[in-house]
Amino acid sequence: MTTGTGPVVRKSAVAAVFLLSLLWALDGLGPDLLPALRHSPMPGMERQAITYGLAALVAGGYAWKRHSQLPSLRSTIDWSGVGLLLFVAPVILSMVAQSWVSQLERVAIFSLAPMFAVVLEPHLGTGQQRSNVALIAALAAVAGALCIFPLDLPGTPAAGAAVLAVVLAAASAAIGNCVAVRFAHCNSAGSLAWCAALAAGSAALAFAAAGGFTERAQWQIAANVAELVWLVLIDMPAVLLLVWLLPQISAARMTTRFILAPLLTVLLGIVLEQPGIAARIVLGIILMAAGALWLLLASDEDADEGRIGIR
């Protein structure tokens, strides 16, 4: 894996990945940390549309205030496509499958995203090669996720198709990360803020359109105050932080958030609830932590030692 930041990933980028993962973990624990969120009537697509719409406004406003160079037509199309591939497709595919695949099972399947990124980044992103050791680390993290979040084998064709849809969602997230990292590295003459505005804006429009067809709009500001505050403090900063990370580290490292976020959720849940911990949970935590930390912290020289010969 290569990062464009030297043989060892910068500490600020590592800290940002952990912060992003923590924000995702807090979002998962939101109803437990803030009970008012349990009574929010805001539909899922509407929530996504507002989150990405706010992110687009903040990023666009920042770029405009700094008089940043406007992106070309090609960049506009590219980054709008990134928004659909990276943000929209994984959510839509997951929501389609939610009647057959539980939330915990979806978490387990999304742990495949780093594995997809390790394999695909040399072809779609900035990496020059892929590493045997990196692939083993990604697979160890997947094994750990399956220890904590067991996956039931589908018993019907519909359930099997739903599982496949979630696998495609994880692949879409990995592919979107690879492509976005490549675009960010090639965007030296442009403004990353405008790119963030385009990606988030296209996602907001897509979620708004999907919500218009599938959900009953509930624009009740008074009833959704807690939800809106949560979006502004947790969800929107996570979107902007993700885009800021794109030129900083490789896609494989970025996708460790799909391991670290559920891992942090489990650890925070243990601290808050102090339940009895089974041996498989301990094993899962160890495997997830070891796999994610190797992918995130290993230097490029370490990765090169076990590179796969097929280019």
Protein backbone atom coordinates (compact mmCIF):
# COMPACT_ATOMS: atom_id res chain seq x y z
CA MET A 1 0.00 0.00 0.00
CA THR A 2 1.18 3.51 -0.71
CA THR A 3 -0.17 6.66 0.83
CA GLY A 4 1.53 9.63 -0.73
CA THR A 5 2.69 10.72 2.74
CA GLY A 6 5.90 8.73 3.04
CA PRO A 7 6.67 5.26 4.32
CA VAL A 8 4.74 5.75 7.56
CA VAL A 9 1.28 7.24 7.67
CA ARG A 10 1.12 10.59 9.45
CA LYS A 11 -0.03 10.68 13.07
CA SER A 12 -2.66 13.30 12.27
CA ALA A 13 -4.23 11.01 9.67
CA VAL A 14 -4.24 8.05 12.07
CA ALA A 15 -5.86 10.22 14.73
CA ALA A 16 -8.45 11.36 12.18
CA VAL A 17 -9.33 7.76 11.29
CA PHE A 18 -9.83 6.97 14.97
CA LEU A 19 -11.93 10.12 15.41
CA LEU A 20 -14.04 9.22 12.37
CA SER A 21 -14.54 5.70 13.73
CA LEU A 22 -15.49 7.12 17.14
CA LEU A 23 -18.07 9.41 15.54
CA TRP A 24 -19.56 6.41 13.72
CA ALA A 25 -19.57 4.42 16.97
CA LEU A 26 -21.30 7.25 18.82
CA ASP A 27 -23.88 7.44 16.04
CA GLY A 28 -24.66 3.76 16.57
CA LEU A 29 -25.02 4.34 20.32
CA GLY A 30 -27.00 7.56 19.84
CA PRO A 31 -30.37 6.31 21.14
CA ASP A 32 -28.65 4.95 24.27
CA LEU A 33 -26.65 8.11 24.90
CA LEU A 34 -29.49 10.49 24.05
CA PRO A 35 -32.91 8.86 24.71
CA ALA A 36 -34.71 11.68 22.89
CA LEU A 37 -33.42 10.21 19.63
CA ARG A 38 -35.57 7.11 20.17
CA HIS A 39 -38.69 9.19 19.73
CA SER A 40 -37.55 11.08 16.63
CA PRO A 41 -39.90 10.53 13.68
CA MET A 42 -37.29 11.44 11.05
CA PRO A 43 -37.17 8.76 8.31
CA GLY A 44 -33.83 7.26 7.33
CA MET A 45 -33.53 8.73 3.82
CA GLU A 46 -34.56 12.16 5.04
CA ARG A 47 -31.93 11.95 7.76
CA GLN A 48 -29.26 11.09 5.20
CA ALA A 49 -30.39 13.86 2.85
CA ILE A 50 -30.18 16.47 5.61
CA THR A 51 -26.77 15.23 6.78
CA TYR A 52 -25.18 15.39 3.33
CA GLY A 53 -27.01 18.58 2.44
CA LEU A 54 -25.56 20.31 5.51
CA ALA A 55 -22.10 18.94 4.70
CA ALA A 56 -22.38 20.27 1.14
CA LEU A 57 -23.42 23.72 2.38
CA VAL A 58 -20.58 23.91 4.91
CA ALA A 59 -17.94 22.70 2.45
CA GLY A 60 -19.23 24.91 -0.36
CA GLY A 61 -19.44 27.94 1.92
CA TYR A 62 -15.87 27.37 3.09
CA ALA A 63 -14.60 27.05 -0.49
CA TRP A 64 -16.50 30.18 -1.59
CA LYS A 65 -15.23 32.23 1.35
CA ARG A 66 -11.65 31.29 0.52
CA HIS A 67 -12.23 32.09 -3.19
CA SER A 68 -11.10 28.59 -4.08
CA GLN A 69 -10.74 27.58 -7.70
CA LEU A 70 -13.93 26.12 -9.11
CA PRO A 71 -13.63 22.51 -10.33
CA SER A 72 -13.71 21.72 -14.03
CA LEU A 73 -16.68 20.03 -15.66
CA ARG A 74 -14.80 16.71 -15.59
CA SER A 75 -14.06 17.08 -11.88
CA THR A 76 -17.66 18.02 -11.21
CA ILE A 77 -18.87 14.83 -12.87
CA ASP A 78 -16.17 12.73 -11.16
CA TRP A 79 -16.88 13.97 -7.65
CA SER A 80 -20.64 13.81 -8.11
CA GLY A 81 -20.17 10.18 -9.09
CA VAL A 82 -17.97 9.61 -6.03
CA GLY A 83 -20.81 10.84 -3.83
CA LEU A 84 -23.20 8.33 -5.36
CA LEU A 85 -20.74 5.42 -5.20
CA LEU A 86 -19.20 6.12 -1.80
CA PHE A 87 -22.18 7.48 0.15
CA VAL A 88 -25.43 6.52 -1.57
CA ALA A 89 -25.00 3.03 -3.03
CA PRO A 90 -23.91 1.34 0.24
CA VAL A 91 -26.84 2.83 2.16
CA ILE A 92 -29.45 2.05 -0.50
CA LEU A 93 -28.26 -1.54 -0.94
CA SER A 94 -28.18 -2.08 2.82
CA MET A 95 -31.67 -0.66 3.29
CA VAL A 96 -33.04 -2.88 0.53
CA ALA A 97 -31.69 -5.91 2.40
CA GLN A 98 -32.69 -4.89 5.93
CA SER A 99 -35.83 -7.06 5.99
CA TRP A 100 -33.69 -10.20 5.57
CA VAL A 101 -30.30 -9.21 7.03
CA SER A 102 -30.17 -7.86 10.58
CA GLN A 103 -28.19 -4.77 11.51
CA LEU A 104 -25.53 -6.82 13.32
CA GLU A 105 -25.18 -9.11 10.32
CA ARG A 106 -24.76 -6.08 8.07
CA VAL A 107 -21.96 -4.87 10.35
CA ALA A 108 -20.22 -8.23 9.96
CA ILE A 109 -20.55 -8.16 6.17
CA PHE A 110 -19.26 -4.58 5.93
CA SER A 111 -16.06 -5.74 7.63
CA LEU A 112 -15.24 -7.10 4.15
CA ALA A 113 -14.65 -3.54 2.90
CA PRO A 114 -10.94 -3.38 3.90
CA MET A 115 -10.33 -6.71 2.18
CA PHE A 116 -11.95 -5.39 -1.01
CA ALA A 117 -9.88 -2.20 -0.75
CA VAL A 118 -6.60 -4.11 -0.31
CA VAL A 119 -7.31 -6.17 -3.43
CA LEU A 120 -8.75 -3.41 -5.62
CA GLU A 121 -6.69 -0.36 -4.71
CA PRO A 122 -3.73 -1.24 -6.98
CA HIS A 123 -6.15 -1.26 -9.93
CA LEU A 124 -8.55 1.57 -8.99
CA GLY A 125 -6.61 3.78 -6.61
CA THR A 126 -3.07 4.98 -5.99
CA GLY A 127 -1.47 1.76 -4.72
CA GLN A 128 1.18 0.05 -6.83
CA GLN A 129 0.85 -3.43 -5.36
CA ARG A 130 -1.06 -5.40 -2.79
CA SER A 131 0.39 -7.30 0.13
CA ASN A 132 -0.12 -10.84 1.34
CA VAL A 133 0.22 -9.64 4.93
CA ALA A 134 -2.31 -6.83 4.42
CA LEU A 135 -4.79 -9.31 2.97
CA ILE A 136 -4.24 -11.65 5.92
CA ALA A 137 -4.76 -8.75 8.35
CA ALA A 138 -8.00 -7.82 6.59
CA LEU A 139 -9.22 -11.42 6.72
CA ALA A 140 -8.31 -11.64 10.43
CA ALA A 141 -10.45 -8.58 11.06
CA VAL A 142 -13.34 -10.20 9.17
CA ALA A 143 -12.95 -13.36 11.27
CA GLY A 144 -13.04 -11.24 14.40
CA ALA A 145 -16.20 -9.47 13.26
CA LEU A 146 -17.87 -12.82 12.61
CA CYS A 147 -16.94 -13.94 16.14
CA ILE A 148 -18.77 -10.94 17.60
CA PHE A 149 -21.55 -10.62 15.03
CA PRO A 150 -22.40 -14.16 13.84
CA LEU A 151 -23.81 -14.42 10.33
CA ASP A 152 -26.68 -16.85 9.76
CA LEU A 153 -26.60 -18.64 6.44
CA PRO A 154 -29.54 -17.58 4.27
CA GLY A 155 -32.29 -20.18 4.11
CA THR A 156 -34.24 -18.77 1.15
CA PRO A 157 -33.30 -17.32 -2.24
CA ALA A 158 -34.60 -13.93 -1.15
CA ALA A 159 -32.40 -13.95 1.96
CA GLY A 160 -29.42 -15.06 -0.14
CA ALA A 161 -30.01 -12.19 -2.55
CA ALA A 162 -30.23 -9.80 0.40
CA VAL A 163 -26.87 -11.00 1.75
CA LEU A 164 -25.39 -10.52 -1.73
CA ALA A 165 -26.79 -6.98 -1.79
CA VAL A 166 -24.98 -6.14 1.45
CA VAL A 167 -21.76 -7.67 0.10
CA LEU A 168 -22.16 -5.42 -2.95
CA ALA A 169 -22.72 -2.49 -0.59
CA ALA A 170 -19.41 -3.23 1.15
CA ALA A 171 -17.70 -3.55 -2.23
CA SER A 172 -19.22 -0.25 -3.36
CA ALA A 173 -17.86 1.47 -0.25
CA ALA A 174 -14.38 0.05 -0.93
CA ILE A 175 -14.47 0.93 -4.63
CA GLY A 176 -15.74 4.42 -3.83
CA ASN A 177 -12.88 4.91 -1.40
CA CYS A 178 -10.30 3.74 -3.94
CA VAL A 179 -11.62 6.03 -6.66
CA ALA A 180 -12.04 8.99 -4.31
CA VAL A 181 -8.47 8.66 -3.02
CA ARG A 182 -7.18 8.63 -6.60
CA PHE A 183 -9.20 11.72 -7.52
CA ALA A 184 -8.03 13.50 -4.36
CA HIS A 185 -4.38 12.80 -5.16
CA CYS A 186 -4.90 14.14 -8.70
CA ASN A 187 -6.66 17.27 -7.45
CA SER A 188 -3.58 19.34 -6.58
CA ALA A 189 -4.79 22.34 -8.61
CA GLY A 190 -8.34 22.27 -7.28
CA SER A 191 -10.10 22.74 -3.96
CA LEU A 192 -10.91 19.72 -1.82
CA ALA A 193 -13.70 21.76 -0.23
CA TRP A 194 -15.46 22.08 -3.60
CA CYS A 195 -14.96 18.35 -4.14
CA ALA A 196 -16.55 17.65 -0.76
CA ALA A 197 -19.46 19.94 -1.63
CA LEU A 198 -20.02 18.15 -4.95
CA ALA A 199 -19.83 14.64 -3.46
CA ALA A 200 -22.04 15.49 -0.50
CA GLY A 201 -24.44 17.50 -2.67
CA SER A 202 -24.99 14.67 -5.14
CA ALA A 203 -25.56 12.29 -2.22
CA ALA A 204 -28.07 14.68 -0.63
CA LEU A 205 -30.04 14.97 -3.88
CA ALA A 206 -30.04 11.19 -4.37
CA PHE A 207 -31.23 10.53 -0.81
CA ALA A 208 -33.90 13.23 -1.11
CA ALA A 209 -35.16 11.66 -4.33
CA ALA A 210 -35.13 8.16 -2.83
CA GLY A 211 -36.93 9.40 0.26
CA GLY A 212 -39.55 11.12 -1.85
CA PHE A 213 -40.45 7.79 -3.46
CA THR A 214 -40.13 5.51 -0.45
CA GLU A 215 -40.88 7.58 2.66
CA ARG A 216 -43.50 9.93 3.90
CA ALA A 217 -41.84 13.30 4.43
CA GLN A 218 -41.96 14.57 8.02
CA TRP A 219 -40.43 18.02 8.13
CA GLN A 220 -41.32 18.64 11.76
CA ILE A 221 -38.51 20.83 13.07
CA ALA A 222 -39.80 20.99 16.66
CA ALA A 223 -40.13 17.21 16.92
CA ASN A 224 -36.72 16.64 15.34
CA VAL A 225 -34.60 19.11 17.32
CA ALA A 226 -32.60 16.37 19.06
CA GLU A 227 -32.04 14.58 15.75
CA LEU A 228 -30.93 17.76 13.99
CA VAL A 229 -28.51 18.64 16.78
CA TRP A 230 -27.08 15.11 16.57
CA LEU A 231 -26.65 15.42 12.80
CA VAL A 232 -24.80 18.72 13.18
CA LEU A 233 -22.51 17.53 15.98
CA ILE A 234 -21.82 13.92 14.94
CA ASP A 235 -22.91 12.92 11.43
CA MET A 236 -22.00 16.00 9.40
CA PRO A 237 -18.47 16.34 10.87
CA ALA A 238 -17.91 12.65 10.08
CA VAL A 239 -18.69 13.28 6.39
CA LEU A 240 -16.34 16.27 6.19
CA LEU A 241 -13.60 14.43 8.08
CA LEU A 242 -13.88 11.49 5.68
CA VAL A 243 -13.35 13.77 2.67
CA TRP A 244 -10.44 15.54 4.38
CA LEU A 245 -8.76 12.15 4.84
CA LEU A 246 -8.89 11.24 1.15
CA PRO A 247 -5.54 12.80 0.12
CA GLN A 248 -3.92 11.84 3.41
CA ILE A 249 -3.93 8.02 3.41
CA SER A 250 -4.64 5.02 1.22
CA ALA A 251 -8.11 3.61 0.66
CA ALA A 252 -7.19 0.40 2.47
CA ARG A 253 -6.29 2.42 5.55
CA MET A 254 -9.43 4.53 5.26
CA THR A 255 -11.68 1.49 5.16
CA THR A 256 -10.38 0.34 8.54
CA ARG A 257 -13.19 2.52 9.89
CA PHE A 258 -15.54 -0.36 9.01
CA ILE A 259 -13.59 -2.42 11.55
CA LEU A 260 -12.72 0.23 14.14
CA ALA A 261 -16.22 1.74 14.41
CA PRO A 262 -18.01 -1.50 15.39
CA LEU A 263 -15.04 -2.44 17.58
CA LEU A 264 -15.31 0.86 19.46
CA THR A 265 -19.08 0.33 19.71
CA VAL A 266 -18.51 -3.06 21.34
CA LEU A 267 -15.89 -1.67 23.72
CA LEU A 268 -18.06 1.30 24.70
CA GLY A 269 -21.01 -1.06 25.20
CA ILE A 270 -18.90 -3.23 27.52
CA VAL A 271 -17.84 -0.16 29.52
CA LEU A 272 -21.39 1.21 29.79
CA GLU A 273 -23.27 -2.02 30.46
CA GLN A 274 -20.51 -4.24 31.94
CA PRO A 275 -22.01 -7.52 30.70
CA GLY A 276 -20.49 -10.97 30.96
CA ILE A 277 -18.00 -11.44 28.12
CA ALA A 278 -17.85 -14.74 26.26
CA ALA A 279 -14.55 -16.14 25.00
CA ARG A 280 -15.57 -15.66 21.36
CA ILE A 281 -16.17 -11.94 22.03
CA VAL A 282 -12.66 -11.60 23.46
CA LEU A 283 -11.22 -13.45 20.46
CA GLY A 284 -13.24 -11.27 18.09
CA ILE A 285 -12.00 -8.07 19.75
CA ILE A 286 -8.38 -9.24 19.53
CA LEU A 287 -8.66 -10.23 15.85
CA MET A 288 -10.48 -7.04 14.84
CA ALA A 289 -8.05 -4.81 16.71
CA ALA A 290 -4.96 -6.63 15.40
CA GLY A 291 -6.16 -6.62 11.78
CA ALA A 292 -7.29 -2.99 11.78
CA LEU A 293 -4.19 -1.69 13.54
CA TRP A 294 -1.84 -3.53 11.16
CA LEU A 295 -3.66 -2.14 8.12
CA LEU A 296 -3.67 1.35 9.59
CA LEU A 297 -0.20 1.57 11.15
CA ALA A 298 2.09 -0.69 9.11
CA SER A 299 4.65 1.17 7.01
CA ASP A 300 4.75 0.69 3.26
CA GLU A 301 8.07 -1.14 3.60
CA ASP A 302 6.38 -3.70 5.85
CA ALA A 303 3.64 -4.18 3.28
CA ASP A 304 6.17 -4.55 0.47
CA GLU A 305 7.86 -7.48 2.21
CA GLY A 306 4.85 -9.71 1.53
CA ARG A 307 3.61 -8.33 -1.75
CA ILE A 308 1.64 -10.52 -4.10
CA GLY A 309 3.39 -11.18 -7.37
CA ILE A 310 0.32 -10.72 -9.57
CA ARG A 311 0.03 -7.08 -10.68
